[in-house]
Amino acid sequence: MRERLTAHARWFGAVAVLALTACQPAVLDPRGPIGQADKTILIDSLAIMLAIVIPTIVATLVIAWWYRASNEKARHLPQWAFSGRIELVVWSIPLMVIMLLGGVTWIGAHELDPYKPLPSKVPPLNIQVVSLDWKWLFIYPTQQVASINQLVVPTGVPLHFTLTSASVMNTFFIPQLGSMIYTMNGMATELHLRADAPGTFRGISGHYSGDGFSDMHFDVRAVPADQFTAWVSSTRGAGRALDATAYATLARQSANEAPSTFRDVEADLFDKVVSQHIAPGPGPAPNRNRASQTPQPMPSAPPLQSGL
């Protein structure tokens, strides 16, 4: 029996190790000031909570050992009902923990307000983001270029994102750069980030939005300023133009969309999406193999019979 339990424990340990190999540091490996601040909040919150969790676990084990049936030194008080000192300790420690956690959250919520610009002598790079089914469209309004599922940014330059959705609600998240924010149809939100080191970071959708949600991710390439300028120049000289017609094709549902670029972005295209001058995404195409997707009216409930 003992050998069987040992074998099961080893098997469980091996499976756990294999599962952890797929994990990436992400949030705990920040590459920007917002990501670093998020990491600090996580660690501080964990430390505050462990300050009560660890003593509670230790006290539970000590009490269980001391008041065991074989310990004749333990004092048993069957008539005991109340202790003001114990009540003071039991309620004051959680209260202090809640106050500390609330303070960390309140300060962080104001310091890391996504609408708050990052202090910098360098002007920010404006990027417009549209979440589609199931891909990401990035528009650089000043540079008049755009890309699908690939975000190229210069290092050390503040990034000012303006985000919306062309379909259902979604979330925009680059774990190594910082805060996650929602994208919603018919409105625009803002987010300020910065990449301080070159590299390729993973961007994801953190909100379930349909069949292609699991593949709705993108690469963030942080490059030196001269390489970003070169990328913009090469994009302007190649690729397709992004006008209302091209956008309508792009808005159709598709998954695993390969990264691509656009040149000559139509002026005010993003504003037209937000204001719904361009209609929201068309949704799924009709499928003859499926039952009709036309919603059917629910049957009316029978009238209540009173027994009075």
Protein backbone atom coordinates (compact mmCIF):
# COMPACT_ATOMS: atom_id res chain seq x y z
CA MET A 1 0.00 0.00 0.00
CA ARG A 2 2.80 2.38 0.92
CA GLU A 3 4.61 1.64 -2.35
CA ARG A 4 1.43 2.41 -4.30
CA LEU A 5 0.99 5.76 -2.52
CA THR A 6 4.64 6.61 -3.18
CA ALA A 7 4.23 5.81 -6.89
CA HIS A 8 1.11 7.99 -7.08
CA ALA A 9 2.91 10.86 -5.34
CA ARG A 10 5.80 10.65 -7.79
CA TRP A 11 3.40 10.57 -10.73
CA PHE A 12 1.52 13.61 -9.41
CA GLY A 13 4.80 15.49 -8.89
CA ALA A 14 5.94 14.73 -12.44
CA VAL A 15 2.64 15.92 -13.89
CA ALA A 16 2.81 19.12 -11.82
CA VAL A 17 6.34 19.85 -13.05
CA LEU A 18 5.31 19.29 -16.68
CA ALA A 19 2.33 21.60 -16.21
CA LEU A 20 4.53 24.34 -14.81
CA THR A 21 6.84 24.18 -17.84
CA ALA A 22 4.09 25.87 -19.86
CA CYS A 23 3.89 28.79 -17.44
CA GLN A 24 5.69 32.05 -18.19
CA PRO A 25 6.69 34.75 -15.70
CA ALA A 26 4.70 37.43 -17.58
CA VAL A 27 3.28 39.68 -14.84
CA LEU A 28 6.26 38.87 -12.59
CA ASP A 29 8.73 39.76 -15.36
CA PRO A 30 7.76 43.38 -16.18
CA ARG A 31 9.36 45.39 -18.97
CA GLY A 32 7.80 48.79 -18.26
CA PRO A 33 6.93 51.16 -15.41
CA ILE A 34 3.26 50.15 -15.22
CA GLY A 35 4.13 46.47 -15.23
CA GLN A 36 6.72 47.06 -12.50
CA ALA A 37 4.16 48.90 -10.37
CA ASP A 38 1.64 46.06 -10.87
CA LYS A 39 4.25 43.55 -9.72
CA THR A 40 4.96 45.62 -6.60
CA ILE A 41 1.25 45.71 -5.73
CA LEU A 42 0.96 41.93 -6.16
CA ILE A 43 3.98 41.23 -3.94
CA ASP A 44 2.92 43.74 -1.28
CA SER A 45 -0.60 42.31 -1.21
CA LEU A 46 0.74 38.77 -0.92
CA ALA A 47 3.06 39.77 1.95
CA ILE A 48 0.20 41.48 3.81
CA MET A 49 -2.06 38.44 3.45
CA LEU A 50 0.69 35.99 4.44
CA ALA A 51 1.19 38.01 7.63
CA ILE A 52 -2.14 36.60 8.84
CA VAL A 53 -2.26 33.32 6.90
CA ILE A 54 1.06 31.90 8.14
CA PRO A 55 0.47 32.64 11.87
CA THR A 56 -3.04 31.19 11.56
CA ILE A 57 -1.73 27.95 10.05
CA VAL A 58 1.02 27.69 12.67
CA ALA A 59 -1.44 28.41 15.50
CA THR A 60 -3.83 25.75 14.20
CA LEU A 61 -1.10 23.12 14.16
CA VAL A 62 0.22 24.13 17.61
CA ILE A 63 -3.24 24.11 19.20
CA ALA A 64 -4.09 20.73 17.65
CA TRP A 65 -0.82 19.29 18.99
CA TRP A 66 -1.03 20.85 22.46
CA TYR A 67 -4.64 19.87 23.11
CA ARG A 68 -4.22 16.29 21.97
CA ALA A 69 -5.88 13.64 24.12
CA SER A 70 -2.59 12.32 25.51
CA ASN A 71 -1.33 15.71 26.79
CA GLU A 72 -2.17 15.86 30.49
CA LYS A 73 -0.60 19.33 30.88
CA ALA A 74 -3.19 20.99 28.65
CA ARG A 75 -5.85 22.90 30.55
CA HIS A 76 -9.39 21.97 29.56
CA LEU A 77 -12.08 24.56 30.36
CA PRO A 78 -15.44 23.05 29.40
CA GLN A 79 -17.36 25.98 30.95
CA TRP A 80 -15.34 28.68 29.11
CA ALA A 81 -17.47 30.98 26.93
CA PHE A 82 -15.85 34.37 26.33
CA SER A 83 -12.50 36.18 26.44
CA GLY A 84 -12.23 39.89 25.65
CA ARG A 85 -8.51 39.57 24.93
CA ILE A 86 -9.03 36.80 22.40
CA GLU A 87 -11.87 38.72 20.74
CA LEU A 88 -9.60 41.79 20.49
CA VAL A 89 -6.86 39.80 18.76
CA VAL A 90 -9.27 37.87 16.52
CA TRP A 91 -10.94 41.05 15.21
CA SER A 92 -8.06 43.56 15.25
CA ILE A 93 -5.64 41.57 13.08
CA PRO A 94 -8.08 41.03 10.15
CA LEU A 95 -9.16 44.67 10.47
CA MET A 96 -5.55 45.85 10.13
CA VAL A 97 -5.02 43.54 7.15
CA ILE A 98 -8.11 44.92 5.43
CA MET A 99 -6.95 48.49 6.10
CA LEU A 100 -3.50 47.76 4.66
CA LEU A 101 -4.89 46.01 1.59
CA GLY A 102 -7.40 48.83 1.10
CA GLY A 103 -4.63 51.40 1.32
CA VAL A 104 -2.47 49.57 -1.23
CA THR A 105 -5.45 49.23 -3.57
CA TRP A 106 -6.54 52.86 -3.19
CA ILE A 107 -3.05 54.26 -3.81
CA GLY A 108 -2.43 51.91 -6.72
CA ALA A 109 -5.79 52.67 -8.31
CA HIS A 110 -4.93 56.39 -8.41
CA GLU A 111 -1.26 56.08 -9.31
CA LEU A 112 -1.97 53.56 -12.08
CA ASP A 113 -5.07 55.21 -13.53
CA PRO A 114 -5.04 54.01 -17.19
CA TYR A 115 -6.14 57.49 -18.32
CA LYS A 116 -3.18 59.12 -16.57
CA PRO A 117 -0.32 60.00 -18.98
CA LEU A 118 3.16 58.79 -18.11
CA PRO A 119 5.63 61.56 -17.23
CA SER A 120 8.16 61.90 -20.04
CA LYS A 121 10.00 64.52 -22.05
CA VAL A 122 9.30 62.45 -25.17
CA PRO A 123 5.88 62.95 -26.81
CA PRO A 124 3.70 59.82 -26.67
CA LEU A 125 3.03 57.56 -29.63
CA ASN A 126 -0.71 57.43 -30.34
CA ILE A 127 -2.07 54.00 -31.21
CA GLN A 128 -5.72 53.19 -31.90
CA VAL A 129 -6.83 49.65 -31.08
CA VAL A 130 -9.90 47.84 -32.40
CA SER A 131 -10.82 44.38 -31.12
CA LEU A 132 -12.40 42.35 -33.90
CA ASP A 133 -13.71 38.77 -34.14
CA TRP A 134 -11.09 37.35 -33.45
CA LYS A 135 -8.10 39.55 -34.09
CA TRP A 136 -6.59 42.88 -33.14
CA LEU A 137 -6.32 45.92 -35.41
CA PHE A 138 -3.68 48.52 -34.52
CA ILE A 139 -3.85 51.91 -36.25
CA TYR A 140 -1.05 54.46 -36.07
CA PRO A 141 -2.96 57.68 -36.95
CA THR A 142 0.09 59.95 -37.19
CA GLN A 143 2.10 57.47 -39.28
CA GLN A 144 -0.99 56.51 -41.35
CA VAL A 145 -0.22 52.79 -41.16
CA ALA A 146 -1.94 49.86 -39.47
CA SER A 147 -1.28 46.23 -38.57
CA ILE A 148 -3.15 43.08 -37.67
CA ASN A 149 -2.08 40.92 -34.70
CA GLN A 150 1.27 42.64 -34.48
CA LEU A 151 2.11 45.73 -32.43
CA VAL A 152 5.45 47.41 -33.12
CA VAL A 153 6.49 50.14 -30.67
CA PRO A 154 9.67 52.10 -29.94
CA THR A 155 11.36 51.50 -26.59
CA GLY A 156 11.42 54.30 -24.04
CA VAL A 157 8.52 56.15 -25.69
CA PRO A 158 5.19 56.54 -23.84
CA LEU A 159 2.37 54.72 -25.60
CA HIS A 160 -1.09 56.28 -25.63
CA PHE A 161 -3.69 53.68 -26.58
CA THR A 162 -7.26 54.56 -27.51
CA LEU A 163 -9.32 51.39 -27.63
CA THR A 164 -12.72 50.25 -28.85
CA SER A 165 -14.46 47.09 -30.00
CA ALA A 166 -16.05 46.42 -33.37
CA SER A 167 -18.08 43.61 -31.88
CA VAL A 168 -18.59 42.20 -28.39
CA MET A 169 -16.80 43.40 -25.26
CA ASN A 170 -13.19 42.28 -24.96
CA THR A 171 -10.04 42.98 -22.95
CA PHE A 172 -6.63 44.21 -24.07
CA PHE A 173 -3.73 42.90 -22.00
CA ILE A 174 0.05 42.88 -22.37
CA PRO A 175 1.12 41.21 -19.09
CA GLN A 176 4.77 42.33 -19.18
CA LEU A 177 3.86 45.96 -19.88
CA GLY A 178 0.98 46.42 -17.49
CA SER A 179 -2.69 47.07 -16.90
CA MET A 180 -5.51 45.22 -18.63
CA ILE A 181 -8.41 47.30 -19.93
CA TYR A 182 -11.77 46.59 -21.56
CA THR A 183 -12.74 47.42 -25.11
CA MET A 184 -16.44 48.08 -25.73
CA ASN A 185 -18.49 48.71 -28.81
CA GLY A 186 -19.68 52.27 -29.25
CA MET A 187 -17.21 53.82 -26.82
CA ALA A 188 -13.47 54.43 -26.47
CA THR A 189 -11.22 53.83 -23.49
CA GLU A 190 -7.63 54.92 -22.93
CA LEU A 191 -4.48 53.29 -21.65
CA HIS A 192 -0.92 54.52 -21.13
CA LEU A 193 2.01 52.08 -21.20
CA ARG A 194 5.71 52.08 -22.00
CA ALA A 195 8.25 49.42 -22.99
CA ASP A 196 11.63 50.15 -21.42
CA ALA A 197 13.55 47.25 -22.94
CA PRO A 198 13.68 45.75 -26.45
CA GLY A 199 12.03 42.39 -26.90
CA THR A 200 8.97 40.53 -28.06
CA PHE A 201 6.12 40.38 -25.57
CA ARG A 202 2.87 38.47 -25.69
CA GLY A 203 -0.43 40.30 -25.92
CA ILE A 204 -3.68 38.52 -25.22
CA SER A 205 -7.41 38.86 -24.98
CA GLY A 206 -8.40 38.26 -21.37
CA HIS A 207 -12.16 38.04 -21.95
CA TYR A 208 -14.06 35.18 -23.56
CA SER A 209 -15.63 36.46 -26.76
CA GLY A 210 -16.56 33.44 -28.85
CA ASP A 211 -15.15 30.45 -30.73
CA GLY A 212 -11.90 32.11 -31.82
CA PHE A 213 -11.09 33.65 -28.44
CA SER A 214 -8.25 31.24 -27.63
CA ASP A 215 -6.33 32.34 -30.74
CA MET A 216 -6.92 36.06 -30.22
CA HIS A 217 -3.36 36.97 -29.26
CA PHE A 218 -0.66 39.13 -30.77
CA ASP A 219 3.06 39.89 -30.54
CA VAL A 220 4.37 43.18 -29.20
CA ARG A 221 7.74 44.02 -30.74
CA ALA A 222 9.58 46.70 -28.79
CA VAL A 223 12.45 48.00 -30.93
CA PRO A 224 14.82 50.97 -30.86
CA ALA A 225 13.49 54.23 -32.30
CA ASP A 226 15.45 53.96 -35.56
CA GLN A 227 14.11 50.45 -36.21
CA PHE A 228 10.58 51.65 -35.56
CA THR A 229 11.05 54.47 -38.08
CA ALA A 230 12.36 51.94 -40.60
CA TRP A 231 9.35 49.69 -40.00
CA VAL A 232 6.94 52.58 -40.59
CA SER A 233 8.74 53.50 -43.82
CA SER A 234 8.66 49.93 -45.15
CA THR A 235 4.98 49.57 -44.21
CA ARG A 236 4.06 52.75 -46.06
CA GLY A 237 5.61 51.36 -49.22
CA ALA A 238 3.90 47.98 -49.14
CA GLY A 239 0.70 46.26 -48.19
CA ARG A 240 -2.93 47.13 -48.80
CA ALA A 241 -4.73 50.39 -48.20
CA LEU A 242 -7.11 50.36 -45.25
CA ASP A 243 -10.34 52.06 -46.24
CA ALA A 244 -13.96 51.38 -45.32
CA THR A 245 -14.23 48.54 -47.86
CA ALA A 246 -11.08 46.81 -46.62
CA TYR A 247 -12.22 47.28 -43.05
CA ALA A 248 -15.59 45.68 -43.80
CA THR A 249 -13.78 42.60 -45.08
CA LEU A 250 -11.51 42.62 -42.06
CA ALA A 251 -14.44 42.83 -39.66
CA ARG A 252 -15.77 39.43 -40.71
CA GLN A 253 -15.21 36.67 -38.22
CA SER A 254 -11.96 34.77 -38.65
CA ALA A 255 -9.45 33.08 -36.38
CA ASN A 256 -5.69 32.54 -36.49
CA GLU A 257 -5.23 35.61 -38.66
CA ALA A 258 -1.58 35.93 -39.74
CA PRO A 259 0.12 39.25 -38.90
CA SER A 260 -0.15 41.75 -41.75
CA THR A 261 0.15 45.48 -42.37
CA PHE A 262 -1.80 48.23 -44.13
CA ARG A 263 -0.79 51.53 -45.67
CA ASP A 264 -2.80 54.68 -46.33
CA VAL A 265 -5.28 54.31 -43.49
CA GLU A 266 -8.50 56.19 -44.15
CA ALA A 267 -8.75 59.35 -42.08
CA ASP A 268 -11.10 59.11 -39.08
CA LEU A 269 -11.59 55.37 -39.59
CA PHE A 270 -11.27 54.72 -35.87
CA ASP A 271 -13.69 57.54 -35.02
CA LYS A 272 -16.22 56.11 -37.47
CA VAL A 273 -15.96 52.72 -35.76
CA VAL A 274 -16.47 54.27 -32.32
CA SER A 275 -19.40 56.43 -33.42
CA GLN A 276 -20.84 53.44 -35.34
CA HIS A 277 -20.90 55.32 -38.61
CA ILE A 278 -19.30 52.05 -39.65
CA ALA A 279 -21.61 49.24 -38.56
CA PRO A 280 -20.37 46.75 -35.95
CA GLY A 281 -19.01 43.39 -37.05
CA PRO A 282 -21.51 41.20 -38.91
CA GLY A 283 -21.15 38.24 -36.54
CA PRO A 284 -21.21 34.59 -37.64
CA ALA A 285 -22.16 33.74 -41.21
CA PRO A 286 -25.34 31.65 -41.71
CA ASN A 287 -24.68 27.92 -41.75
CA ARG A 288 -27.15 25.70 -43.53
CA ASN A 289 -26.02 22.69 -41.53
CA ARG A 290 -27.16 24.33 -38.32
CA ALA A 291 -30.64 24.95 -37.13
CA SER A 292 -32.03 28.38 -37.75
CA GLN A 293 -30.39 30.94 -35.49
CA THR A 294 -33.49 33.14 -35.48
CA PRO A 295 -34.50 33.53 -31.85
CA GLN A 296 -37.87 32.00 -31.09
CA PRO A 297 -40.32 33.65 -28.70
CA MET A 298 -40.53 31.95 -25.32
CA PRO A 299 -43.90 30.32 -24.56
CA SER A 300 -45.99 32.37 -22.21
CA ALA A 301 -46.34 31.04 -18.70
CA PRO A 302 -49.78 29.74 -17.70
CA PRO A 303 -51.72 32.03 -15.39
CA LEU A 304 -51.28 31.42 -11.69
CA GLN A 305 -54.20 29.61 -10.11
CA SER A 306 -55.17 30.94 -6.74
CA GLY A 307 -56.37 28.48 -4.21
CA LEU A 308 -57.97 31.13 -2.02
